[in-house]
Amino acid sequence: MDATLTLRLDGGLRRKLRARAVALKVSEAEVVRQAVSREVNTEPLGKRISGLRGVLRLPRVPDGDSWRKAIRENNWRP
């Protein structure tokens, strides 16, 4: 059963909502429904992001590359 919810937004928040809706090409109501859905989602984070798992493969570069070194030092996987 669908129900109507009325809420009051200050001007700044309403402008941000409208801009977000335009950017996503959906109605303001749809942006609010999606935000509420995300907020009340009770699934554990691990389950929600399970589809995002993967492996980062970097091209071979000299050992002096600080970016690559930082990733290796901070990577939790061996």
C-alpha atoms as a PDB file:
ATOM      1  CA  MET A   1       0.000   0.000   0.000  1.00  0.00           C
ATOM      2  CA  ASP A   2       1.380   3.396  -0.980  1.00  0.00           C
ATOM      3  CA  ALA A   3       1.204   6.261   1.484  1.00  0.00           C
ATOM      4  CA  THR A   4       1.869   9.973   1.226  1.00  0.00           C
ATOM      5  CA  LEU A   5       4.405  11.666   3.470  1.00  0.00           C
ATOM      6  CA  THR A   6       4.588  15.436   3.727  1.00  0.00           C
ATOM      7  CA  LEU A   7       7.788  17.094   4.865  1.00  0.00           C
ATOM      8  CA  ARG A   8       9.136  20.601   5.124  1.00  0.00           C
ATOM      9  CA  LEU A   9      12.527  21.530   3.676  1.00  0.00           C
ATOM     10  CA  ASP A  10      14.398  24.795   4.062  1.00  0.00           C
ATOM     11  CA  GLY A  11      15.191  26.685   0.871  1.00  0.00           C
ATOM     12  CA  GLY A  12      18.804  25.563   0.607  1.00  0.00           C
ATOM     13  CA  LEU A  13      17.989  21.892   0.984  1.00  0.00           C
ATOM     14  CA  ARG A  14      15.145  22.167  -1.512  1.00  0.00           C
ATOM     15  CA  ARG A  15      17.468  23.756  -4.106  1.00  0.00           C
ATOM     16  CA  LYS A  16      19.978  20.938  -3.599  1.00  0.00           C
ATOM     17  CA  LEU A  17      17.202  18.365  -3.940  1.00  0.00           C
ATOM     18  CA  ARG A  18      15.971  19.949  -7.158  1.00  0.00           C
ATOM     19  CA  ALA A  19      19.509  20.122  -8.584  1.00  0.00           C
ATOM     20  CA  ARG A  20      20.113  16.457  -7.716  1.00  0.00           C
ATOM     21  CA  ALA A  21      16.846  15.435  -9.364  1.00  0.00           C
ATOM     22  CA  VAL A  22      17.748  17.335 -12.527  1.00  0.00           C
ATOM     23  CA  ALA A  23      21.224  15.775 -12.583  1.00  0.00           C
ATOM     24  CA  LEU A  24      19.760  12.266 -12.206  1.00  0.00           C
ATOM     25  CA  LYS A  25      16.878  13.016 -14.615  1.00  0.00           C
ATOM     26  CA  VAL A  26      14.279  11.811 -12.095  1.00  0.00           C
ATOM     27  CA  SER A  27      11.622  13.529 -10.006  1.00  0.00           C
ATOM     28  CA  GLU A  28      12.375  15.116  -6.650  1.00  0.00           C
ATOM     29  CA  ALA A  29      10.080  12.524  -5.080  1.00  0.00           C
ATOM     30  CA  GLU A  30      12.175   9.723  -6.584  1.00  0.00           C
ATOM     31  CA  VAL A  31      15.379  11.212  -5.150  1.00  0.00           C
ATOM     32  CA  VAL A  32      13.726  11.338  -1.710  1.00  0.00           C
ATOM     33  CA  ARG A  33      12.414   7.744  -2.040  1.00  0.00           C
ATOM     34  CA  GLN A  34      15.891   6.499  -2.958  1.00  0.00           C
ATOM     35  CA  ALA A  35      17.494   8.396  -0.058  1.00  0.00           C
ATOM     36  CA  VAL A  36      14.972   7.041   2.450  1.00  0.00           C
ATOM     37  CA  SER A  37      15.419   3.535   1.080  1.00  0.00           C
ATOM     38  CA  ARG A  38      19.204   3.756   1.513  1.00  0.00           C
ATOM     39  CA  GLU A  39      18.816   5.137   5.030  1.00  0.00           C
ATOM     40  CA  VAL A  40      16.517   2.389   6.287  1.00  0.00           C
ATOM     41  CA  ASN A  41      18.319  -0.457   4.511  1.00  0.00           C
ATOM     42  CA  THR A  42      19.203  -2.948   7.229  1.00  0.00           C
ATOM     43  CA  GLU A  43      21.518  -5.219   5.230  1.00  0.00           C
ATOM     44  CA  PRO A  44      25.064  -5.386   6.571  1.00  0.00           C
ATOM     45  CA  LEU A  45      27.603  -3.311   4.674  1.00  0.00           C
ATOM     46  CA  GLY A  46      29.502  -6.427   3.581  1.00  0.00           C
ATOM     47  CA  LYS A  47      26.422  -7.796   1.860  1.00  0.00           C
ATOM     48  CA  ARG A  48      25.550  -4.476   0.212  1.00  0.00           C
ATOM     49  CA  ILE A  49      29.015  -4.080  -1.319  1.00  0.00           C
ATOM     50  CA  SER A  50      29.682  -7.746  -2.091  1.00  0.00           C
ATOM     51  CA  GLY A  51      29.319  -7.120  -5.819  1.00  0.00           C
ATOM     52  CA  LEU A  52      32.107  -4.542  -5.730  1.00  0.00           C
ATOM     53  CA  ARG A  53      34.889  -6.967  -4.827  1.00  0.00           C
ATOM     54  CA  GLY A  54      37.716  -7.237  -7.285  1.00  0.00           C
ATOM     55  CA  VAL A  55      41.417  -7.163  -7.913  1.00  0.00           C
ATOM     56  CA  LEU A  56      43.452  -4.162  -8.940  1.00  0.00           C
ATOM     57  CA  ARG A  57      46.174  -5.088 -11.402  1.00  0.00           C
ATOM     58  CA  LEU A  58      48.721  -2.381 -12.065  1.00  0.00           C
ATOM     59  CA  PRO A  59      51.156  -2.328 -14.965  1.00  0.00           C
ATOM     60  CA  ARG A  60      54.801  -2.987 -14.128  1.00  0.00           C
ATOM     61  CA  VAL A  61      56.620   0.249 -13.347  1.00  0.00           C
ATOM     62  CA  PRO A  62      59.963   1.046 -11.724  1.00  0.00           C
ATOM     63  CA  ASP A  63      60.155   0.342  -7.968  1.00  0.00           C
ATOM     64  CA  GLY A  64      60.686   4.035  -7.318  1.00  0.00           C
ATOM     65  CA  ASP A  65      57.050   4.777  -8.203  1.00  0.00           C
ATOM     66  CA  SER A  66      55.667   6.206  -4.937  1.00  0.00           C
ATOM     67  CA  TRP A  67      51.996   5.762  -5.937  1.00  0.00           C
ATOM     68  CA  ARG A  68      52.433   2.035  -6.554  1.00  0.00           C
ATOM     69  CA  LYS A  69      54.503   1.668  -3.375  1.00  0.00           C
ATOM     70  CA  ALA A  70      51.800   3.388  -1.287  1.00  0.00           C
ATOM     71  CA  ILE A  71      49.115   1.058  -2.647  1.00  0.00           C
ATOM     72  CA  ARG A  72      51.220  -2.013  -1.888  1.00  0.00           C
ATOM     73  CA  GLU A  73      52.014  -0.821   1.654  1.00  0.00           C
ATOM     74  CA  ASN A  74      48.354  -0.044   2.444  1.00  0.00           C
ATOM     75  CA  ASN A  75      46.780  -3.033   0.725  1.00  0.00           C
ATOM     76  CA  TRP A  76      45.230  -5.419   3.272  1.00  0.00           C
ATOM     77  CA  ARG A  77      45.688  -8.393   0.938  1.00  0.00           C
ATOM     78  CA  PRO A  78      49.085 -10.022   0.437  1.00  0.00           C
END
